Amino acid sequence: MTIITVIMAGRRPFTLVYDPEVKAHLRAIDPKYRGLIRMAIEEQLRFAPDSETRNRKPLQRPVAFEATWELRVGPDNRFRVFYAVSHERREVQILAIGAKQGNRLMVGGEEIRL
């Protein structure tokens, strides 16, 4: 797992921990969107990963990767970042990144049923 930490004054940030499979998930996404996805993860999940917003929601039921939250990013919110939050360790585990295509979710080139 890759761990990235950025410290800002006043608030203790969450550490972002990427599952090893996420690299393969990103390779299946057009390279021009990868930076946008990474930036959204940093901005949206570093300090308040479990605060519900228009594009950040708890999942009704955990998906295949045991994620409990979903972040929607990109043009038409087509990309999905699935993650879980651990307050005890102050970590956000990024478990999967996929692209929505109509009613289908593609993660790492494979269709995932929600």
Protein backbone atom coordinates (compact mmCIF):
# COMPACT_ATOMS: atom_id res chain seq x y z
CA MET A 1 0.00 0.00 0.00
CA THR A 2 1.16 3.51 -0.78
CA ILE A 3 0.81 6.04 2.04
CA ILE A 4 0.66 9.78 1.34
CA THR A 5 0.56 12.33 4.16
CA VAL A 6 0.15 16.11 3.95
CA ILE A 7 -0.04 18.19 7.14
CA MET A 8 -2.07 21.40 7.39
CA ALA A 9 -2.15 23.62 10.45
CA GLY A 10 -5.19 23.40 12.71
CA ARG A 11 -6.61 20.06 11.60
CA ARG A 12 -5.09 16.63 11.88
CA PRO A 13 -5.41 15.03 8.44
CA PHE A 14 -6.34 11.47 7.64
CA THR A 15 -3.65 9.36 6.01
CA LEU A 16 -4.62 8.11 2.55
CA VAL A 17 -3.76 4.43 2.06
CA TYR A 18 -4.14 3.02 -1.44
CA ASP A 19 -4.88 -0.68 -1.90
CA PRO A 20 -2.28 -2.24 -4.25
CA GLU A 21 -5.05 -3.06 -6.77
CA VAL A 22 -5.83 0.64 -7.26
CA LYS A 23 -2.82 1.02 -9.61
CA ALA A 24 -4.39 -1.50 -11.98
CA HIS A 25 -7.75 0.26 -11.67
CA LEU A 26 -6.16 3.58 -12.67
CA ARG A 27 -4.38 1.98 -15.66
CA ALA A 28 -7.82 1.09 -17.06
CA ILE A 29 -8.83 4.79 -16.99
CA ASP A 30 -7.84 7.28 -19.69
CA PRO A 31 -4.54 8.88 -18.54
CA LYS A 32 -5.89 12.41 -18.98
CA TYR A 33 -8.27 11.84 -16.02
CA ARG A 34 -5.81 10.26 -13.57
CA GLY A 35 -4.49 13.56 -12.20
CA LEU A 36 -8.03 14.86 -11.75
CA ILE A 37 -8.97 11.74 -9.78
CA ARG A 38 -5.87 11.94 -7.57
CA MET A 39 -6.45 15.63 -6.89
CA ALA A 40 -10.10 15.00 -5.96
CA ILE A 41 -9.05 12.24 -3.56
CA GLU A 42 -6.55 14.57 -1.86
CA GLU A 43 -8.99 17.48 -1.61
CA GLN A 44 -12.12 15.55 -0.67
CA LEU A 45 -10.84 12.79 1.62
CA ARG A 46 -7.90 14.26 3.52
CA PHE A 47 -9.83 16.09 6.27
CA ALA A 48 -13.52 15.08 6.26
CA PRO A 49 -13.81 11.72 4.48
CA ASP A 50 -17.04 10.73 6.23
CA SER A 51 -18.96 13.98 5.82
CA GLU A 52 -21.74 13.48 3.30
CA THR A 53 -21.75 15.96 0.39
CA ARG A 54 -23.33 16.12 -3.04
CA ASN A 55 -20.54 13.91 -4.47
CA ARG A 56 -19.52 11.96 -1.36
CA LYS A 57 -22.01 9.47 0.06
CA PRO A 58 -22.12 6.45 2.34
CA LEU A 59 -23.01 3.26 0.50
CA GLN A 60 -26.30 1.58 1.35
CA ARG A 61 -24.47 -1.74 1.49
CA PRO A 62 -20.74 -2.49 1.19
CA VAL A 63 -19.61 -3.30 -2.34
CA ALA A 64 -17.29 -6.12 -3.40
CA PHE A 65 -14.16 -4.39 -2.07
CA GLU A 66 -15.65 -3.79 1.42
CA ALA A 67 -15.95 -0.07 0.78
CA THR A 68 -18.45 1.88 2.84
CA TRP A 69 -18.20 5.26 1.06
CA GLU A 70 -18.24 6.49 -2.54
CA LEU A 71 -16.74 9.67 -4.00
CA ARG A 72 -17.96 10.77 -7.45
CA VAL A 73 -15.54 12.84 -9.55
CA GLY A 74 -14.80 13.95 -13.10
CA PRO A 75 -16.92 15.01 -16.04
CA ASP A 76 -20.55 14.08 -15.37
CA ASN A 77 -19.31 12.40 -12.14
CA ARG A 78 -18.34 9.42 -14.26
CA PHE A 79 -15.54 8.19 -11.96
CA ARG A 80 -16.12 6.47 -8.63
CA VAL A 81 -13.66 6.18 -5.76
CA PHE A 82 -14.66 3.54 -3.21
CA TYR A 83 -13.17 3.80 0.25
CA ALA A 84 -13.47 3.01 3.95
CA VAL A 85 -12.66 5.26 6.91
CA SER A 86 -10.86 4.21 10.11
CA HIS A 87 -11.12 6.88 12.81
CA GLU A 88 -8.98 4.85 15.20
CA ARG A 89 -6.01 4.93 12.79
CA ARG A 90 -7.09 8.22 11.12
CA GLU A 91 -6.85 6.47 7.76
CA VAL A 92 -8.84 6.46 4.57
CA GLN A 93 -8.39 3.20 2.68
CA ILE A 94 -8.84 3.78 -1.05
CA LEU A 95 -10.08 0.35 -2.14
CA ALA A 96 -11.18 0.76 -5.75
CA ILE A 97 -11.49 3.32 -8.53
CA GLY A 98 -13.82 2.79 -11.45
CA ALA A 99 -15.67 4.44 -14.29
CA LYS A 100 -19.43 4.50 -14.69
CA GLN A 101 -20.59 3.72 -18.23
CA GLY A 102 -24.37 4.07 -18.37
CA ASN A 103 -25.70 1.60 -15.82
CA ARG A 104 -22.42 -0.30 -15.68
CA LEU A 105 -19.47 0.23 -13.34
CA MET A 106 -16.10 -0.78 -14.74
CA VAL A 107 -13.24 -1.29 -12.27
CA GLY A 108 -9.90 -2.36 -13.70
CA GLY A 109 -11.55 -3.29 -16.99
CA GLU A 110 -14.11 -5.59 -15.31
CA GLU A 111 -17.78 -4.93 -14.70
CA ILE A 112 -18.71 -4.76 -11.01
CA ARG A 113 -22.28 -5.27 -9.82
CA LEU A 114 -23.51 -2.85 -7.22
